[in-house]
PDB file of N, CA and C in Angstrom:
ATOM      1  N   UNK A   1      32.945  -9.548 -35.519  1.00  0.00           N
ATOM      2  CA  UNK A   1      32.242  -9.410 -34.329  1.00  0.00           C
ATOM      3  C   UNK A   1      33.474  -7.897 -33.729  1.00  0.00           C
ATOM      4  N   UNK A   2      33.153  -7.370 -32.775  1.00  0.00           N
ATOM      5  CA  UNK A   2      34.027  -6.800 -32.076  1.00  0.00           C
ATOM      6  C   UNK A   2      34.435  -7.186 -30.418  1.00  0.00           C
ATOM      7  N   UNK A   3      35.084  -7.713 -29.743  1.00  0.00           N
ATOM      8  CA  UNK A   3      35.379  -7.979 -28.735  1.00  0.00           C
ATOM      9  C   UNK A   3      35.626  -7.258 -27.764  1.00  0.00           C
ATOM     10  N   UNK A   4      35.272  -6.866 -26.725  1.00  0.00           N
ATOM     11  CA  UNK A   4      35.417  -5.762 -25.624  1.00  0.00           C
ATOM     12  C   UNK A   4      35.478  -6.066 -24.262  1.00  0.00           C
ATOM     13  N   UNK A   5      36.727  -5.906 -23.759  1.00  0.00           N
ATOM     14  CA  UNK A   5      36.680  -6.526 -22.394  1.00  0.00           C
ATOM     15  C   UNK A   5      35.791  -5.892 -21.302  1.00  0.00           C
ATOM     16  N   UNK A   6      35.169  -6.615 -20.596  1.00  0.00           N
ATOM     17  CA  UNK A   6      34.353  -6.011 -19.877  1.00  0.00           C
ATOM     18  C   UNK A   6      34.657  -6.832 -18.302  1.00  0.00           C
ATOM     19  N   UNK A   7      33.836  -6.663 -17.471  1.00  0.00           N
ATOM     20  CA  UNK A   7      34.251  -7.184 -15.912  1.00  0.00           C
ATOM     21  C   UNK A   7      32.971  -8.254 -15.477  1.00  0.00           C
ATOM     22  N   UNK A   8      31.822  -7.348 -15.830  1.00  0.00           N
ATOM     23  CA  UNK A   8      30.472  -8.309 -15.340  1.00  0.00           C
ATOM     24  C   UNK A   8      29.666  -7.926 -16.786  1.00  0.00           C
ATOM     25  N   UNK A   9      28.462  -8.828 -16.502  1.00  0.00           N
ATOM     26  CA  UNK A   9      27.436  -8.640 -17.156  1.00  0.00           C
ATOM     27  C   UNK A   9      26.986  -7.581 -17.192  1.00  0.00           C
ATOM     28  N   UNK A  10      26.767  -7.147 -16.484  1.00  0.00           N
ATOM     29  CA  UNK A  10      26.224  -5.573 -16.135  1.00  0.00           C
ATOM     30  C   UNK A  10      26.846  -4.671 -17.523  1.00  0.00           C
ATOM     31  N   UNK A  11      28.556  -4.691 -17.552  1.00  0.00           N
ATOM     32  CA  UNK A  11      29.545  -3.812 -18.202  1.00  0.00           C
ATOM     33  C   UNK A  11      28.721  -4.295 -19.591  1.00  0.00           C
ATOM     34  N   UNK A  12      28.980  -5.582 -20.144  1.00  0.00           N
ATOM     35  CA  UNK A  12      28.700  -6.036 -21.404  1.00  0.00           C
ATOM     36  C   UNK A  12      27.501  -5.306 -21.712  1.00  0.00           C
ATOM     37  N   UNK A  13      26.206  -5.426 -21.018  1.00  0.00           N
ATOM     38  CA  UNK A  13      25.006  -5.377 -21.232  1.00  0.00           C
ATOM     39  C   UNK A  13      24.960  -3.175 -21.535  1.00  0.00           C
ATOM     40  N   UNK A  14      25.782  -2.790 -20.555  1.00  0.00           N
ATOM     41  CA  UNK A  14      25.637  -1.326 -21.050  1.00  0.00           C
ATOM     42  C   UNK A  14      26.728  -1.152 -22.458  1.00  0.00           C
ATOM     43  N   UNK A  15      28.026  -1.750 -22.598  1.00  0.00           N
ATOM     44  CA  UNK A  15      28.044  -1.631 -23.595  1.00  0.00           C
ATOM     45  C   UNK A  15      27.843  -2.443 -24.890  1.00  0.00           C
ATOM     46  N   UNK A  16      26.986  -2.954 -24.952  1.00  0.00           N
ATOM     47  CA  UNK A  16      26.459  -3.806 -26.195  1.00  0.00           C
ATOM     48  C   UNK A  16      25.176  -2.342 -26.408  1.00  0.00           C
ATOM     49  N   UNK A  17      24.254  -1.875 -25.253  1.00  0.00           N
ATOM     50  CA  UNK A  17      23.727  -0.827 -25.468  1.00  0.00           C
ATOM     51  C   UNK A  17      24.054   0.649 -26.327  1.00  0.00           C
ATOM     52  N   UNK A  18      25.210   0.607 -25.605  1.00  0.00           N
ATOM     53  CA  UNK A  18      25.805   2.176 -26.012  1.00  0.00           C
ATOM     54  C   UNK A  18      26.110   1.609 -27.741  1.00  0.00           C
ATOM     55  N   UNK A  19      26.914   1.016 -27.617  1.00  0.00           N
ATOM     56  CA  UNK A  19      27.525   0.146 -29.312  1.00  0.00           C
ATOM     57  C   UNK A  19      26.686   0.424 -30.528  1.00  0.00           C
ATOM     58  N   UNK A  20      25.219   0.258 -29.581  1.00  0.00           N
ATOM     59  CA  UNK A  20      24.029   0.325 -30.780  1.00  0.00           C
ATOM     60  C   UNK A  20      23.181   1.571 -30.626  1.00  0.00           C
ATOM     61  N   UNK A  21      23.990   2.105 -30.035  1.00  0.00           N
ATOM     62  CA  UNK A  21      23.173   3.498 -30.459  1.00  0.00           C
ATOM     63  C   UNK A  21      22.124   4.145 -29.500  1.00  0.00           C
ATOM     64  N   UNK A  22      21.722   2.834 -28.500  1.00  0.00           N
ATOM     65  CA  UNK A  22      20.546   3.028 -27.311  1.00  0.00           C
ATOM     66  C   UNK A  22      20.551   4.450 -26.622  1.00  0.00           C
ATOM     67  N   UNK A  23      19.684   5.300 -26.745  1.00  0.00           N
ATOM     68  CA  UNK A  23      19.833   6.723 -25.907  1.00  0.00           C
ATOM     69  C   UNK A  23      19.205   6.501 -24.476  1.00  0.00           C
ATOM     70  N   UNK A  24      18.456   5.415 -24.268  1.00  0.00           N
ATOM     71  CA  UNK A  24      17.927   5.644 -23.192  1.00  0.00           C
ATOM     72  C   UNK A  24      17.653   3.821 -22.809  1.00  0.00           C
ATOM     73  N   UNK A  25      17.836   3.608 -20.995  1.00  0.00           N
ATOM     74  CA  UNK A  25      17.625   2.578 -20.833  1.00  0.00           C
ATOM     75  C   UNK A  25      16.786   2.889 -19.581  1.00  0.00           C
ATOM     76  N   UNK A  26      15.408   2.151 -19.884  1.00  0.00           N
ATOM     77  CA  UNK A  26      14.269   2.404 -19.109  1.00  0.00           C
ATOM     78  C   UNK A  26      14.362   1.024 -17.589  1.00  0.00           C
ATOM     79  N   UNK A  27      14.295   1.257 -16.532  1.00  0.00           N
ATOM     80  CA  UNK A  27      14.569   0.127 -15.469  1.00  0.00           C
ATOM     81  C   UNK A  27      13.421   0.475 -14.476  1.00  0.00           C
ATOM     82  N   UNK A  28      13.250  -0.804 -13.740  1.00  0.00           N
ATOM     83  CA  UNK A  28      11.985  -0.227 -12.661  1.00  0.00           C
ATOM     84  C   UNK A  28      13.396  -1.325 -11.530  1.00  0.00           C
ATOM     85  N   UNK A  29      13.850  -0.314 -10.703  1.00  0.00           N
ATOM     86  CA  UNK A  29      14.462  -1.075  -9.375  1.00  0.00           C
ATOM     87  C   UNK A  29      14.044  -1.699  -9.003  1.00  0.00           C
ATOM     88  N   UNK A  30      15.123  -2.773  -8.489  1.00  0.00           N
ATOM     89  CA  UNK A  30      15.045  -3.904  -7.826  1.00  0.00           C
ATOM     90  C   UNK A  30      16.466  -4.197  -7.293  1.00  0.00           C
ATOM     91  N   UNK A  31      16.037  -5.970  -6.680  1.00  0.00           N
ATOM     92  CA  UNK A  31      17.171  -6.260  -6.158  1.00  0.00           C
ATOM     93  C   UNK A  31      18.355  -6.644  -7.154  1.00  0.00           C
ATOM     94  N   UNK A  32      18.137  -6.702  -8.645  1.00  0.00           N
ATOM     95  CA  UNK A  32      19.053  -7.098  -9.458  1.00  0.00           C
ATOM     96  C   UNK A  32      19.610  -5.817 -10.518  1.00  0.00           C
ATOM     97  N   UNK A  33      18.859  -4.702  -9.975  1.00  0.00           N
ATOM     98  CA  UNK A  33      19.295  -3.459 -10.211  1.00  0.00           C
ATOM     99  C   UNK A  33      20.832  -2.825 -10.011  1.00  0.00           C
ATOM    100  N   UNK A  34      21.270  -3.335  -8.928  1.00  0.00           N
ATOM    101  CA  UNK A  34      22.684  -2.762  -8.264  1.00  0.00           C
ATOM    102  C   UNK A  34      23.636  -2.845  -9.107  1.00  0.00           C
ATOM    103  N   UNK A  35      24.060  -4.354  -9.599  1.00  0.00           N
ATOM    104  CA  UNK A  35      25.190  -4.295 -10.642  1.00  0.00           C
ATOM    105  C   UNK A  35      24.919  -3.277 -12.146  1.00  0.00           C
ATOM    106  N   UNK A  36      23.890  -3.150 -12.173  1.00  0.00           N
ATOM    107  CA  UNK A  36      23.734  -2.134 -13.505  1.00  0.00           C
ATOM    108  C   UNK A  36      24.070  -0.672 -13.025  1.00  0.00           C
ATOM    109  N   UNK A  37      23.542   0.016 -11.554  1.00  0.00           N
ATOM    110  CA  UNK A  37      24.111   0.861 -11.286  1.00  0.00           C
ATOM    111  C   UNK A  37      25.706   0.612 -10.831  1.00  0.00           C
ATOM    112  N   UNK A  38      26.204  -0.021 -10.586  1.00  0.00           N
ATOM    113  CA  UNK A  38      27.606  -0.023 -10.566  1.00  0.00           C
ATOM    114  C   UNK A  38      28.426   0.033 -11.925  1.00  0.00           C
ATOM    115  N   UNK A  39      27.756  -0.741 -12.552  1.00  0.00           N
ATOM    116  CA  UNK A  39      28.795  -0.457 -13.878  1.00  0.00           C
ATOM    117  C   UNK A  39      27.881   0.622 -14.887  1.00  0.00           C
ATOM    118  N   UNK A  40      27.112   1.380 -14.500  1.00  0.00           N
ATOM    119  CA  UNK A  40      26.804   2.924 -14.557  1.00  0.00           C
ATOM    120  C   UNK A  40      27.865   3.870 -14.411  1.00  0.00           C
ATOM    121  N   UNK A  41      28.019   3.611 -13.056  1.00  0.00           N
ATOM    122  CA  UNK A  41      29.002   4.546 -12.299  1.00  0.00           C
ATOM    123  C   UNK A  41      30.582   4.783 -12.908  1.00  0.00           C
ATOM    124  N   UNK A  42      31.081   2.914 -13.001  1.00  0.00           N
ATOM    125  CA  UNK A  42      32.286   2.781 -13.463  1.00  0.00           C
ATOM    126  C   UNK A  42      32.346   3.568 -15.105  1.00  0.00           C
ATOM    127  N   UNK A  43      31.220   3.039 -15.980  1.00  0.00           N
ATOM    128  CA  UNK A  43      31.789   3.947 -17.196  1.00  0.00           C
ATOM    129  C   UNK A  43      31.116   5.382 -17.171  1.00  0.00           C
ATOM    130  N   UNK A  44      31.048   5.925 -16.182  1.00  0.00           N
ATOM    131  CA  UNK A  44      30.472   7.734 -16.211  1.00  0.00           C
ATOM    132  C   UNK A  44      32.041   7.959 -15.785  1.00  0.00           C
ATOM    133  N   UNK A  45      32.525   7.208 -14.930  1.00  0.00           N
ATOM    134  CA  UNK A  45      33.572   7.610 -14.041  1.00  0.00           C
ATOM    135  C   UNK A  45      35.073   7.467 -15.727  1.00  0.00           C
ATOM    136  N   UNK A  46      34.946   6.414 -16.076  1.00  0.00           N
ATOM    137  CA  UNK A  46      35.732   6.856 -17.152  1.00  0.00           C
ATOM    138  C   UNK A  46      35.331   7.219 -18.661  1.00  0.00           C
ATOM    139  N   UNK A  47      34.379   8.069 -18.445  1.00  0.00           N
ATOM    140  CA  UNK A  47      33.537   8.884 -19.074  1.00  0.00           C
ATOM    141  C   UNK A  47      33.712   8.028 -20.816  1.00  0.00           C
ATOM    142  N   UNK A  48      33.101   6.564 -20.504  1.00  0.00           N
ATOM    143  CA  UNK A  48      32.937   6.087 -21.809  1.00  0.00           C
ATOM    144  C   UNK A  48      31.118   5.967 -21.872  1.00  0.00           C
ATOM    145  N   UNK A  49      30.812   5.739 -23.134  1.00  0.00           N
ATOM    146  CA  UNK A  49      29.358   6.320 -23.326  1.00  0.00           C
ATOM    147  C   UNK A  49      28.191   5.234 -22.520  1.00  0.00           C
ATOM    148  N   UNK A  50      27.154   5.752 -22.233  1.00  0.00           N
ATOM    149  CA  UNK A  50      26.570   4.671 -21.591  1.00  0.00           C
ATOM    150  C   UNK A  50      24.677   5.772 -22.122  1.00  0.00           C
ATOM    151  N   UNK A  51      23.882   4.689 -21.995  1.00  0.00           N
ATOM    152  CA  UNK A  51      22.554   5.267 -22.375  1.00  0.00           C
ATOM    153  C   UNK A  51      21.910   5.905 -21.042  1.00  0.00           C
ATOM    154  N   UNK A  52      21.111   6.799 -21.434  1.00  0.00           N
ATOM    155  CA  UNK A  52      20.826   7.477 -20.235  1.00  0.00           C
ATOM    156  C   UNK A  52      19.540   6.867 -19.340  1.00  0.00           C
ATOM    157  N   UNK A  53      20.202   6.912 -18.074  1.00  0.00           N
ATOM    158  CA  UNK A  53      19.045   5.622 -17.220  1.00  0.00           C
ATOM    159  C   UNK A  53      17.493   6.704 -17.195  1.00  0.00           C
ATOM    160  N   UNK A  54      16.609   5.862 -17.404  1.00  0.00           N
ATOM    161  CA  UNK A  54      14.829   6.391 -17.006  1.00  0.00           C
ATOM    162  C   UNK A  54      14.631   5.653 -15.883  1.00  0.00           C
ATOM    163  N   UNK A  55      14.370   5.336 -14.418  1.00  0.00           N
ATOM    164  CA  UNK A  55      13.756   5.170 -13.637  1.00  0.00           C
ATOM    165  C   UNK A  55      12.150   5.111 -13.873  1.00  0.00           C
ATOM    166  N   UNK A  56      11.383   4.106 -13.421  1.00  0.00           N
ATOM    167  CA  UNK A  56      10.128   4.035 -14.120  1.00  0.00           C
ATOM    168  C   UNK A  56       9.424   3.248 -12.906  1.00  0.00           C
ATOM    169  N   UNK A  57       8.108   3.939 -12.469  1.00  0.00           N
ATOM    170  CA  UNK A  57       7.792   3.461 -11.313  1.00  0.00           C
ATOM    171  C   UNK A  57       7.565   1.598 -12.195  1.00  0.00           C
ATOM    172  N   UNK A  58       6.757   1.238 -10.775  1.00  0.00           N
ATOM    173  CA  UNK A  58       6.521  -0.631 -11.249  1.00  0.00           C
ATOM    174  C   UNK A  58       5.495  -0.420 -12.287  1.00  0.00           C
ATOM    175  N   UNK A  59       5.437  -1.799 -13.127  1.00  0.00           N
ATOM    176  CA  UNK A  59       4.112  -2.041 -14.024  1.00  0.00           C
ATOM    177  C   UNK A  59       3.020  -2.041 -13.846  1.00  0.00           C
ATOM    178  N   UNK A  60       2.294  -1.879 -12.483  1.00  0.00           N
ATOM    179  CA  UNK A  60       1.292  -1.491 -11.671  1.00  0.00           C
ATOM    180  C   UNK A  60       0.165  -0.357 -12.193  1.00  0.00           C
ATOM    181  N   UNK A  61       1.341   0.863 -12.404  1.00  0.00           N
ATOM    182  CA  UNK A  61       0.578   1.760 -13.083  1.00  0.00           C
ATOM    183  C   UNK A  61       0.303   1.969 -14.354  1.00  0.00           C
ATOM    184  N   UNK A  62       0.223   1.160 -14.658  1.00  0.00           N
ATOM    185  CA  UNK A  62      -0.686   0.437 -16.085  1.00  0.00           C
ATOM    186  C   UNK A  62      -1.617   0.454 -15.862  1.00  0.00           C
ATOM    187  N   UNK A  63      -2.330  -0.116 -15.030  1.00  0.00           N
ATOM    188  CA  UNK A  63      -3.643  -0.632 -14.995  1.00  0.00           C
ATOM    189  C   UNK A  63      -4.726   0.472 -14.645  1.00  0.00           C
ATOM    190  N   UNK A  64      -5.683  -0.324 -15.181  1.00  0.00           N
ATOM    191  CA  UNK A  64      -6.688   0.747 -15.639  1.00  0.00           C
ATOM    192  C   UNK A  64      -7.393   1.528 -14.479  1.00  0.00           C
ATOM    193  N   UNK A  65      -8.190   2.426 -14.202  1.00  0.00           N
ATOM    194  CA  UNK A  65      -9.052   3.332 -13.140  1.00  0.00           C
ATOM    195  C   UNK A  65      -9.918   1.764 -12.446  1.00  0.00           C
ATOM    196  N   UNK A  66     -10.679   1.621 -13.435  1.00  0.00           N
ATOM    197  CA  UNK A  66     -11.753   0.393 -13.757  1.00  0.00           C
ATOM    198  C   UNK A  66     -11.101  -0.912 -12.549  1.00  0.00           C
ATOM    199  N   UNK A  67     -10.033  -1.398 -12.529  1.00  0.00           N
ATOM    200  CA  UNK A  67      -9.328  -2.367 -12.115  1.00  0.00           C
ATOM    201  C   UNK A  67      -9.398  -1.825 -10.609  1.00  0.00           C
ATOM    202  N   UNK A  68      -8.597  -0.518 -10.755  1.00  0.00           N
ATOM    203  CA  UNK A  68      -8.395   0.123  -8.960  1.00  0.00           C
ATOM    204  C   UNK A  68     -10.067  -0.125  -8.290  1.00  0.00           C
ATOM    205  N   UNK A  69     -11.179   0.051  -9.223  1.00  0.00           N
ATOM    206  CA  UNK A  69     -12.307   0.590  -8.370  1.00  0.00           C
ATOM    207  C   UNK A  69     -13.035  -0.974  -8.352  1.00  0.00           C
ATOM    208  N   UNK A  70     -12.522  -1.595  -8.773  1.00  0.00           N
ATOM    209  CA  UNK A  70     -13.038  -3.458  -8.825  1.00  0.00           C
ATOM    210  C   UNK A  70     -12.278  -4.079  -7.709  1.00  0.00           C
ATOM    211  N   UNK A  71     -10.700  -3.740  -7.867  1.00  0.00           N
ATOM    212  CA  UNK A  71      -9.797  -4.501  -6.577  1.00  0.00           C
ATOM    213  C   UNK A  71     -10.467  -4.652  -5.090  1.00  0.00           C
ATOM    214  N   UNK A  72     -10.725  -3.946  -4.201  1.00  0.00           N
ATOM    215  CA  UNK A  72     -11.230  -3.950  -3.461  1.00  0.00           C
ATOM    216  C   UNK A  72     -12.739  -4.944  -3.213  1.00  0.00           C
ATOM    217  N   UNK A  73     -13.716  -4.697  -3.729  1.00  0.00           N
ATOM    218  CA  UNK A  73     -14.348  -6.342  -4.094  1.00  0.00           C
ATOM    219  C   UNK A  73     -14.290  -7.228  -4.307  1.00  0.00           C
ATOM    220  N   UNK A  74     -13.197  -7.279  -5.383  1.00  0.00           N
ATOM    221  CA  UNK A  74     -12.606  -8.696  -5.469  1.00  0.00           C
ATOM    222  C   UNK A  74     -12.002  -9.056  -4.732  1.00  0.00           C
ATOM    223  N   UNK A  75     -11.129  -8.304  -3.904  1.00  0.00           N
ATOM    224  CA  UNK A  75     -10.560  -8.951  -2.057  1.00  0.00           C
ATOM    225  C   UNK A  75     -11.655  -9.340  -1.540  1.00  0.00           C
ATOM    226  N   UNK A  76     -12.653  -8.575  -1.018  1.00  0.00           N
ATOM    227  CA  UNK A  76     -13.343  -8.882  -0.488  1.00  0.00           C
ATOM    228  C   UNK A  76     -14.064 -10.360  -0.602  1.00  0.00           C
ATOM    229  N   UNK A  77     -14.359 -10.744  -1.983  1.00  0.00           N
ATOM    230  CA  UNK A  77     -14.984 -11.615  -2.212  1.00  0.00           C
ATOM    231  C   UNK A  77     -13.993 -12.816  -2.061  1.00  0.00           C
ATOM    232  N   UNK A  78     -13.051 -12.853  -2.755  1.00  0.00           N
ATOM    233  CA  UNK A  78     -12.302 -14.204  -1.911  1.00  0.00           C
ATOM    234  C   UNK A  78     -11.953 -14.379  -0.444  1.00  0.00           C
ATOM    235  N   UNK A  79     -11.773 -13.218   0.080  1.00  0.00           N
ATOM    236  CA  UNK A  79     -11.683 -13.640   1.661  1.00  0.00           C
ATOM    237  C   UNK A  79     -12.729 -14.266   2.287  1.00  0.00           C
ATOM    238  N   UNK A  80     -14.270 -13.252   1.838  1.00  0.00           N
ATOM    239  CA  UNK A  80     -15.552 -14.197   2.326  1.00  0.00           C
ATOM    240  C   UNK A  80     -15.159 -15.473   1.522  1.00  0.00           C
ATOM    241  N   UNK A  81     -15.088 -15.751   0.794  1.00  0.00           N
ATOM    242  CA  UNK A  81     -15.119 -17.124   0.335  1.00  0.00           C
ATOM    243  C   UNK A  81     -14.172 -18.093   0.909  1.00  0.00           C
ATOM    244  N   UNK A  82     -12.848 -17.888   1.474  1.00  0.00           N
ATOM    245  CA  UNK A  82     -12.139 -18.518   2.085  1.00  0.00           C
ATOM    246  C   UNK A  82     -12.319 -18.680   3.282  1.00  0.00           C
ATOM    247  N   UNK A  83     -13.174 -17.694   4.032  1.00  0.00           N
ATOM    248  CA  UNK A  83     -13.510 -17.681   5.371  1.00  0.00           C
ATOM    249  C   UNK A  83     -14.814 -18.848   5.440  1.00  0.00           C
ATOM    250  N   UNK A  84     -15.661 -18.693   4.444  1.00  0.00           N
ATOM    251  CA  UNK A  84     -16.468 -19.749   4.416  1.00  0.00           C
ATOM    252  C   UNK A  84     -16.167 -21.736   3.886  1.00  0.00           C
ATOM    253  N   UNK A  85     -14.617 -21.307   3.510  1.00  0.00           N
ATOM    254  CA  UNK A  85     -13.985 -22.761   3.019  1.00  0.00           C
ATOM    255  C   UNK A  85     -14.394 -23.125   1.583  1.00  0.00           C
ATOM    256  N   UNK A  86     -14.610 -21.906   0.965  1.00  0.00           N
ATOM    257  CA  UNK A  86     -15.083 -22.106  -0.398  1.00  0.00           C
ATOM    258  C   UNK A  86     -13.313 -21.446  -1.548  1.00  0.00           C
ATOM    259  N   UNK A  87     -13.602 -22.284  -2.461  1.00  0.00           N
ATOM    260  CA  UNK A  87     -12.355 -21.768  -3.094  1.00  0.00           C
ATOM    261  C   UNK A  87     -12.060 -20.260  -4.125  1.00  0.00           C
ATOM    262  N   UNK A  88     -11.634 -19.681  -3.540  1.00  0.00           N
ATOM    263  CA  UNK A  88     -11.249 -18.592  -4.253  1.00  0.00           C
ATOM    264  C   UNK A  88     -11.701 -18.270  -5.998  1.00  0.00           C
ATOM    265  N   UNK A  89     -12.287 -17.570  -6.195  1.00  0.00           N
ATOM    266  CA  UNK A  89     -12.951 -17.216  -7.731  1.00  0.00           C
ATOM    267  C   UNK A  89     -11.727 -16.640  -8.510  1.00  0.00           C
ATOM    268  N   UNK A  90     -10.866 -15.666  -8.117  1.00  0.00           N
ATOM    269  CA  UNK A  90      -9.578 -15.168  -8.325  1.00  0.00           C
ATOM    270  C   UNK A  90      -8.481 -15.731  -8.135  1.00  0.00           C
ATOM    271  N   UNK A  91      -8.021 -16.689  -8.771  1.00  0.00           N
ATOM    272  CA  UNK A  91      -6.640 -17.176  -8.218  1.00  0.00           C
ATOM    273  C   UNK A  91      -5.711 -17.171  -9.362  1.00  0.00           C
ATOM    274  N   UNK A  92      -4.429 -16.527  -9.048  1.00  0.00           N
ATOM    275  CA  UNK A  92      -3.182 -15.995  -9.748  1.00  0.00           C
ATOM    276  C   UNK A  92      -2.855 -17.490 -10.057  1.00  0.00           C
ATOM    277  N   UNK A  93      -2.398 -18.240  -8.844  1.00  0.00           N
ATOM    278  CA  UNK A  93      -1.650 -19.817  -9.052  1.00  0.00           C
ATOM    279  C   UNK A  93      -2.792 -20.857  -8.722  1.00  0.00           C
ATOM    280  N   UNK A  94      -3.804 -21.271  -9.704  1.00  0.00           N
ATOM    281  CA  UNK A  94      -4.408 -22.349  -9.900  1.00  0.00           C
ATOM    282  C   UNK A  94      -3.701 -23.279  -9.203  1.00  0.00           C
ATOM    283  N   UNK A  95      -2.079 -23.773  -9.273  1.00  0.00           N
ATOM    284  CA  UNK A  95      -1.737 -24.629  -9.271  1.00  0.00           C
ATOM    285  C   UNK A  95      -1.298 -25.474  -7.710  1.00  0.00           C
ATOM    286  N   UNK A  96      -1.723 -24.159  -7.227  1.00  0.00           N
ATOM    287  CA  UNK A  96      -1.638 -24.412  -5.465  1.00  0.00           C
ATOM    288  C   UNK A  96      -2.894 -24.432  -4.902  1.00  0.00           C
ATOM    289  N   UNK A  97      -3.976 -24.775  -5.531  1.00  0.00           N
ATOM    290  CA  UNK A  97      -5.188 -25.138  -5.066  1.00  0.00           C
ATOM    291  C   UNK A  97      -5.216 -26.132  -4.234  1.00  0.00           C
ATOM    292  N   UNK A  98      -5.279 -27.222  -4.767  1.00  0.00           N
ATOM    293  CA  UNK A  98      -4.678 -28.622  -3.916  1.00  0.00           C
ATOM    294  C   UNK A  98      -4.319 -28.874  -2.583  1.00  0.00           C
ATOM    295  N   UNK A  99      -3.157 -28.106  -2.837  1.00  0.00           N
ATOM    296  CA  UNK A  99      -2.479 -27.795  -1.515  1.00  0.00           C
ATOM    297  C   UNK A  99      -3.304 -27.635  -0.577  1.00  0.00           C
ATOM    298  N   UNK A 100      -3.928 -25.917  -1.146  1.00  0.00           N
ATOM    299  CA  UNK A 100      -4.497 -25.383  -0.350  1.00  0.00           C
ATOM    300  C   UNK A 100      -6.224 -25.956   0.488  1.00  0.00           C
ATOM    301  N   UNK A 101      -6.697 -26.572  -0.227  1.00  0.00           N
ATOM    302  CA  UNK A 101      -7.746 -27.204  -0.066  1.00  0.00           C
ATOM    303  C   UNK A 101      -7.323 -28.042   0.955  1.00  0.00           C
ATOM    304  N   UNK A 102      -5.966 -29.144   0.860  1.00  0.00           N
ATOM    305  CA  UNK A 102      -5.898 -29.913   1.764  1.00  0.00           C
ATOM    306  C   UNK A 102      -5.368 -29.078   3.435  1.00  0.00           C
ATOM    307  N   UNK A 103      -4.976 -28.133   3.308  1.00  0.00           N
ATOM    308  CA  UNK A 103      -4.369 -27.306   4.535  1.00  0.00           C
ATOM    309  C   UNK A 103      -5.586 -26.902   5.159  1.00  0.00           C
ATOM    310  N   UNK A 104      -7.012 -26.603   4.619  1.00  0.00           N
ATOM    311  CA  UNK A 104      -8.291 -26.381   4.995  1.00  0.00           C
ATOM    312  C   UNK A 104      -8.589 -27.334   6.125  1.00  0.00           C
ATOM    313  N   UNK A 105      -8.873 -28.706   4.978  1.00  0.00           N
ATOM    314  CA  UNK A 105      -9.319 -29.962   5.478  1.00  0.00           C
ATOM    315  C   UNK A 105      -9.064 -30.317   6.888  1.00  0.00           C
ATOM    316  N   UNK A 106      -6.850 -29.982   6.812  1.00  0.00           N
ATOM    317  CA  UNK A 106      -6.187 -30.298   7.475  1.00  0.00           C
ATOM    318  C   UNK A 106      -6.664 -29.628   9.235  1.00  0.00           C
ATOM    319  N   UNK A 107      -7.059 -28.206   8.961  1.00  0.00           N
ATOM    320  CA  UNK A 107      -7.420 -27.718  10.028  1.00  0.00           C
ATOM    321  C   UNK A 107      -8.518 -27.559  10.409  1.00  0.00           C
ATOM    322  N   UNK A 108      -9.424 -28.553   9.614  1.00  0.00           N
ATOM    323  CA  UNK A 108     -11.242 -28.644  10.101  1.00  0.00           C
ATOM    324  C   UNK A 108     -11.783 -27.545   9.441  1.00  0.00           C
ATOM    325  N   UNK A 109     -11.596 -26.710   8.439  1.00  0.00           N
ATOM    326  CA  UNK A 109     -12.387 -25.403   7.795  1.00  0.00           C
ATOM    327  C   UNK A 109     -13.560 -26.845   7.192  1.00  0.00           C
ATOM    328  N   UNK A 110     -14.896 -26.311   7.548  1.00  0.00           N
ATOM    329  CA  UNK A 110     -15.961 -26.819   6.713  1.00  0.00           C
ATOM    330  C   UNK A 110     -16.489 -26.392   5.608  1.00  0.00           C
ATOM    331  N   UNK A 111     -16.969 -26.951   4.633  1.00  0.00           N
ATOM    332  CA  UNK A 111     -17.456 -26.565   3.424  1.00  0.00           C
ATOM    333  C   UNK A 111     -16.071 -26.711   2.585  1.00  0.00           C
ATOM    334  N   UNK A 112     -15.020 -27.197   2.606  1.00  0.00           N
ATOM    335  CA  UNK A 112     -14.164 -26.947   1.548  1.00  0.00           C
ATOM    336  C   UNK A 112     -13.800 -27.773   0.490  1.00  0.00           C
ATOM    337  N   UNK A 113     -14.292 -26.902  -0.587  1.00  0.00           N
ATOM    338  CA  UNK A 113     -14.743 -27.725  -1.784  1.00  0.00           C
ATOM    339  C   UNK A 113     -13.534 -28.380  -2.225  1.00  0.00           C
ATOM    340  N   UNK A 114     -13.699 -29.812  -2.822  1.00  0.00           N
ATOM    341  CA  UNK A 114     -12.824 -30.177  -3.711  1.00  0.00           C
ATOM    342  C   UNK A 114     -13.118 -30.351  -4.797  1.00  0.00           C
TER     343      UNK A 114
END
């Protein structure tokens, strides 16, 4: 195993990718992206090898046309059910439903599904 001195996890990550012959690094910029950009800048200034950075849009672009056609309908259904005090049909985090039901009951919303 070859040991290489690095200053950060991002440095180590880029070092490993370059050492393994990875040509491209695909990334979606976000709050965790800063250290990688800094490591790229440093390694480039030192003329050290780095995979070519390729920024890509958020994963939502992989969704189908059918999803986008149905999305407003699904959203409206959930909003209407919520306004009636009914449980939403399409729930991303079902574990929060008991707390949601209790909040509606505390607000005096009638028709809350138990």
